[in-house]
Amino acid sequence: MTDEEPDEFDELPPVADDDATRQRDEHDLYLKAVNNSVRRRILELVTLEHRDVDELTQLLEGEGLVAPGGSIAFHLDLLAKAECICMTKDEDTGQEHIDVTQKGKIVDHFY
């Protein structure tokens, strides 16, 4: 398996004006985020142990989920927009750290 490139189904929908449509769109985005094997693995790895982006990238490369030198930015961005993770930057080191939110703890139910 290699790093998945975005396709026409991975485009994020525009924000809807009415609450029902917005809620449906948020639900669709959430399902898109967690129904991808690379993103589920990201959630699993970050849930097991606090990680920064560089460390996570190396782990995914080692598992063959991301091509060497590939980027996981697309996956992280989608997980963040779906409110499965939050990203913080360490001001001392400049490293970006990933924390799993309550929504991102879905991986507990996969195993």
C-alpha atoms as a PDB file:
ATOM      1  CA  MET A   1       0.000   0.000   0.000  1.00  0.00           C
ATOM      2  CA  THR A   2       1.283   3.499  -0.731  1.00  0.00           C
ATOM      3  CA  ASP A   3       0.374   7.015   0.246  1.00  0.00           C
ATOM      4  CA  GLU A   4      -3.082   7.682  -1.130  1.00  0.00           C
ATOM      5  CA  GLU A   5      -3.463  10.689  -3.373  1.00  0.00           C
ATOM      6  CA  PRO A   6      -6.617  12.780  -3.088  1.00  0.00           C
ATOM      7  CA  ASP A   7      -9.267  12.065  -5.679  1.00  0.00           C
ATOM      8  CA  GLU A   8     -12.574  13.654  -6.574  1.00  0.00           C
ATOM      9  CA  PHE A   9     -14.219  11.960  -3.580  1.00  0.00           C
ATOM     10  CA  ASP A  10     -11.732  13.511  -1.143  1.00  0.00           C
ATOM     11  CA  GLU A  11     -12.669  17.100  -1.938  1.00  0.00           C
ATOM     12  CA  LEU A  12     -14.138  18.851   1.078  1.00  0.00           C
ATOM     13  CA  PRO A  13     -17.677  20.146   0.654  1.00  0.00           C
ATOM     14  CA  PRO A  14     -18.420  23.842   1.075  1.00  0.00           C
ATOM     15  CA  VAL A  15     -19.904  24.862   4.419  1.00  0.00           C
ATOM     16  CA  ALA A  16     -23.684  24.710   4.259  1.00  0.00           C
ATOM     17  CA  ASP A  17     -25.987  27.510   5.383  1.00  0.00           C
ATOM     18  CA  ASP A  18     -28.629  25.483   7.226  1.00  0.00           C
ATOM     19  CA  ASP A  19     -28.027  23.375  10.346  1.00  0.00           C
ATOM     20  CA  ALA A  20     -29.349  20.082   8.965  1.00  0.00           C
ATOM     21  CA  THR A  21     -27.184  20.245   5.867  1.00  0.00           C
ATOM     22  CA  ARG A  22     -24.156  21.375   7.877  1.00  0.00           C
ATOM     23  CA  GLN A  23     -24.625  18.479  10.321  1.00  0.00           C
ATOM     24  CA  ARG A  24     -24.947  15.988   7.443  1.00  0.00           C
ATOM     25  CA  ASP A  25     -21.818  17.423   5.788  1.00  0.00           C
ATOM     26  CA  GLU A  26     -19.864  17.206   9.059  1.00  0.00           C
ATOM     27  CA  HIS A  27     -20.971  13.592   9.445  1.00  0.00           C
ATOM     28  CA  ASP A  28     -19.939  12.802   5.861  1.00  0.00           C
ATOM     29  CA  LEU A  29     -16.541  14.429   6.432  1.00  0.00           C
ATOM     30  CA  TYR A  30     -16.072  12.437   9.638  1.00  0.00           C
ATOM     31  CA  LEU A  31     -16.901   9.168   7.869  1.00  0.00           C
ATOM     32  CA  LYS A  32     -14.512  10.041   5.038  1.00  0.00           C
ATOM     33  CA  ALA A  33     -11.777  10.686   7.596  1.00  0.00           C
ATOM     34  CA  VAL A  34     -12.145   7.431   9.536  1.00  0.00           C
ATOM     35  CA  ASN A  35     -12.985   5.143   6.603  1.00  0.00           C
ATOM     36  CA  ASN A  36      -9.458   5.278   5.231  1.00  0.00           C
ATOM     37  CA  SER A  37      -6.868   2.716   6.329  1.00  0.00           C
ATOM     38  CA  VAL A  38      -3.980   5.225   6.466  1.00  0.00           C
ATOM     39  CA  ARG A  39      -5.982   7.675   8.561  1.00  0.00           C
ATOM     40  CA  ARG A  40      -7.228   4.918  10.882  1.00  0.00           C
ATOM     41  CA  ARG A  41      -3.617   3.820  11.368  1.00  0.00           C
ATOM     42  CA  ILE A  42      -2.628   7.418  12.155  1.00  0.00           C
ATOM     43  CA  LEU A  43      -5.357   7.565  14.796  1.00  0.00           C
ATOM     44  CA  GLU A  44      -4.277   4.227  16.225  1.00  0.00           C
ATOM     45  CA  LEU A  45      -0.591   5.192  16.431  1.00  0.00           C
ATOM     46  CA  VAL A  46      -1.310   8.560  18.005  1.00  0.00           C
ATOM     47  CA  THR A  47      -3.796   7.051  20.471  1.00  0.00           C
ATOM     48  CA  LEU A  48      -1.216   4.501  21.623  1.00  0.00           C
ATOM     49  CA  GLU A  49       1.526   7.074  22.196  1.00  0.00           C
ATOM     50  CA  HIS A  50       1.917  10.845  21.864  1.00  0.00           C
ATOM     51  CA  ARG A  51       3.786  11.495  18.598  1.00  0.00           C
ATOM     52  CA  ASP A  52       5.035  14.350  16.490  1.00  0.00           C
ATOM     53  CA  VAL A  53       4.527  14.579  12.719  1.00  0.00           C
ATOM     54  CA  ASP A  54       8.088  13.537  11.807  1.00  0.00           C
ATOM     55  CA  GLU A  55       7.969  10.453  14.021  1.00  0.00           C
ATOM     56  CA  LEU A  56       4.551   9.496  12.685  1.00  0.00           C
ATOM     57  CA  THR A  57       5.746   9.892   9.089  1.00  0.00           C
ATOM     58  CA  GLN A  58       8.718   7.598   9.765  1.00  0.00           C
ATOM     59  CA  LEU A  59       6.458   4.945  11.299  1.00  0.00           C
ATOM     60  CA  LEU A  60       4.067   5.055   8.344  1.00  0.00           C
ATOM     61  CA  GLU A  61       6.967   4.878   5.872  1.00  0.00           C
ATOM     62  CA  GLY A  62       8.297   1.839   7.754  1.00  0.00           C
ATOM     63  CA  GLU A  63       4.911   0.149   7.441  1.00  0.00           C
ATOM     64  CA  GLY A  64       4.715   0.944   3.734  1.00  0.00           C
ATOM     65  CA  LEU A  65       1.652   3.175   4.167  1.00  0.00           C
ATOM     66  CA  VAL A  66       3.465   6.314   3.002  1.00  0.00           C
ATOM     67  CA  ALA A  67       6.035   6.414   0.223  1.00  0.00           C
ATOM     68  CA  PRO A  68       9.539   7.417   1.365  1.00  0.00           C
ATOM     69  CA  GLY A  69       9.689  11.177   1.296  1.00  0.00           C
ATOM     70  CA  GLY A  70       5.902  11.239   0.981  1.00  0.00           C
ATOM     71  CA  SER A  71       3.669  13.571   2.873  1.00  0.00           C
ATOM     72  CA  ILE A  72       0.964  12.776   5.352  1.00  0.00           C
ATOM     73  CA  ALA A  73      -0.199  16.395   5.387  1.00  0.00           C
ATOM     74  CA  PHE A  74      -3.349  15.619   3.376  1.00  0.00           C
ATOM     75  CA  HIS A  75      -4.365  12.895   5.833  1.00  0.00           C
ATOM     76  CA  LEU A  76      -3.616  15.050   8.874  1.00  0.00           C
ATOM     77  CA  ASP A  77      -5.516  17.979   7.389  1.00  0.00           C
ATOM     78  CA  LEU A  78      -8.596  15.857   6.752  1.00  0.00           C
ATOM     79  CA  LEU A  79      -8.443  14.341  10.255  1.00  0.00           C
ATOM     80  CA  ALA A  80      -8.139  17.834  11.752  1.00  0.00           C
ATOM     81  CA  LYS A  81     -11.067  19.182   9.700  1.00  0.00           C
ATOM     82  CA  ALA A  82     -13.153  16.208  10.856  1.00  0.00           C
ATOM     83  CA  GLU A  83     -12.142  17.094  14.435  1.00  0.00           C
ATOM     84  CA  CYS A  84     -10.467  13.701  15.004  1.00  0.00           C
ATOM     85  CA  ILE A  85      -7.120  15.268  15.909  1.00  0.00           C
ATOM     86  CA  CYS A  86      -5.745  18.607  16.944  1.00  0.00           C
ATOM     87  CA  MET A  87      -2.301  19.825  16.000  1.00  0.00           C
ATOM     88  CA  THR A  88      -0.085  21.941  18.240  1.00  0.00           C
ATOM     89  CA  LYS A  89       3.339  23.354  17.531  1.00  0.00           C
ATOM     90  CA  ASP A  90       6.036  23.208  20.206  1.00  0.00           C
ATOM     91  CA  GLU A  91       7.443  26.718  20.346  1.00  0.00           C
ATOM     92  CA  ASP A  92      10.824  25.513  21.622  1.00  0.00           C
ATOM     93  CA  THR A  93      11.501  22.775  19.071  1.00  0.00           C
ATOM     94  CA  GLY A  94       9.176  23.774  16.227  1.00  0.00           C
ATOM     95  CA  GLN A  95       7.823  20.203  16.109  1.00  0.00           C
ATOM     96  CA  GLU A  96       4.136  19.708  15.384  1.00  0.00           C
ATOM     97  CA  HIS A  97       2.465  17.363  17.860  1.00  0.00           C
ATOM     98  CA  ILE A  98      -0.721  15.450  17.226  1.00  0.00           C
ATOM     99  CA  ASP A  99      -3.368  14.799  19.850  1.00  0.00           C
ATOM    100  CA  VAL A 100      -6.406  12.590  19.324  1.00  0.00           C
ATOM    101  CA  THR A 101      -9.743  14.158  20.205  1.00  0.00           C
ATOM    102  CA  GLN A 102     -12.757  12.306  21.568  1.00  0.00           C
ATOM    103  CA  LYS A 103     -14.091  11.954  18.003  1.00  0.00           C
ATOM    104  CA  GLY A 104     -10.780  10.428  16.938  1.00  0.00           C
ATOM    105  CA  LYS A 105     -10.965   7.689  19.532  1.00  0.00           C
ATOM    106  CA  ILE A 106     -13.112   5.695  17.107  1.00  0.00           C
ATOM    107  CA  VAL A 107     -10.118   3.392  16.618  1.00  0.00           C
ATOM    108  CA  ASP A 108     -10.887   1.858  20.012  1.00  0.00           C
ATOM    109  CA  HIS A 109     -13.964   0.289  18.393  1.00  0.00           C
ATOM    110  CA  PHE A 110     -12.143  -1.292  15.434  1.00  0.00           C
ATOM    111  CA  TYR A 111     -10.325  -3.940  17.451  1.00  0.00           C
END
